[in-house]
Amino acid sequence: MYVLIKIGTNDSRSSEFVSKTKKKLVNKIKENGYYWSKKYNRYVDDKNSGIDGGSGVDYIIDEIDEL
């Protein structure tokens, strides 16, 4: 299982979605203009809102075990 984690300002984190496949989560965030950044090791966008690196909201995808 994979979990999509939203990273906000001050490194606050919350889970957004869970999926059996990573591809579904990647497609979901790519629809909103996010792409993988090697520099930051997370999914970022290019929307400017006064914060360097985009909108201030990034995403990571972590693999988790299913019970």
Protein backbone atom coordinates (compact mmCIF):
# COMPACT_ATOMS: atom_id res chain seq x y z
CA MET A 1 0.00 0.00 0.00
CA TYR A 2 1.06 3.56 -0.62
CA VAL A 3 0.09 6.74 1.17
CA LEU A 4 0.19 10.25 -0.30
CA ILE A 5 1.47 12.66 2.34
CA LYS A 6 0.89 16.39 2.06
CA ILE A 7 3.73 18.57 3.38
CA GLY A 8 2.68 22.10 4.25
CA THR A 9 4.39 25.10 5.75
CA ASN A 10 6.57 24.49 8.81
CA ASP A 11 6.92 20.86 7.64
CA SER A 12 3.40 19.96 8.82
CA ARG A 13 2.35 16.60 7.37
CA SER A 14 -0.99 14.94 6.82
CA SER A 15 -2.10 11.91 4.84
CA GLU A 16 -4.28 12.66 1.83
CA PHE A 17 -4.92 9.39 -0.02
CA VAL A 18 -4.06 5.68 0.20
CA SER A 19 -3.77 3.35 -2.78
CA LYS A 20 -2.64 -0.17 -3.58
CA THR A 21 -0.57 1.20 -6.45
CA LYS A 22 1.86 4.09 -6.49
CA LYS A 23 0.89 4.95 -10.06
CA LYS A 24 -2.63 6.03 -9.05
CA LEU A 25 -1.24 8.49 -6.49
CA VAL A 26 1.32 9.86 -8.94
CA ASN A 27 -1.39 10.39 -11.57
CA LYS A 28 -3.62 12.12 -8.99
CA ILE A 29 -1.02 14.76 -8.08
CA LYS A 30 0.27 15.19 -11.64
CA GLU A 31 -3.25 16.28 -12.61
CA ASN A 32 -2.71 19.26 -10.30
CA GLY A 33 0.64 20.26 -11.84
CA TYR A 34 3.00 18.45 -9.45
CA TYR A 35 6.18 16.75 -10.64
CA TRP A 36 9.08 14.89 -9.01
CA SER A 37 11.96 17.14 -7.91
CA LYS A 38 15.34 15.44 -7.50
CA LYS A 39 16.59 18.52 -5.66
CA TYR A 40 13.94 18.26 -2.90
CA ASN A 41 13.16 14.51 -3.15
CA ARG A 42 9.42 15.19 -3.25
CA TYR A 43 6.65 16.22 -5.61
CA VAL A 44 6.48 19.99 -6.07
CA ASP A 45 4.66 22.51 -8.25
CA ASP A 46 5.61 25.83 -9.83
CA LYS A 47 2.79 27.97 -8.46
CA ASN A 48 4.14 31.08 -6.79
CA SER A 49 2.58 32.39 -3.63
CA GLY A 50 5.56 34.14 -2.07
CA ILE A 51 7.27 30.93 -0.97
CA ASP A 52 10.40 29.69 -2.74
CA GLY A 53 9.81 26.44 -4.58
CA GLY A 54 6.15 26.84 -5.41
CA SER A 55 2.85 27.03 -3.59
CA GLY A 56 4.26 25.94 -0.23
CA VAL A 57 2.57 22.54 -0.45
CA ASP A 58 4.59 19.50 -1.51
CA TYR A 59 3.85 15.78 -1.53
CA ILE A 60 5.70 12.55 -0.87
CA ILE A 61 4.56 8.98 -1.39
CA ASP A 62 5.51 6.40 1.22
CA GLU A 63 5.05 2.66 1.04
CA ILE A 64 3.29 1.16 4.06
CA ASP A 65 2.33 -2.31 5.19
CA GLU A 66 -1.29 -3.43 5.00
CA LEU A 67 -2.83 -5.31 7.93
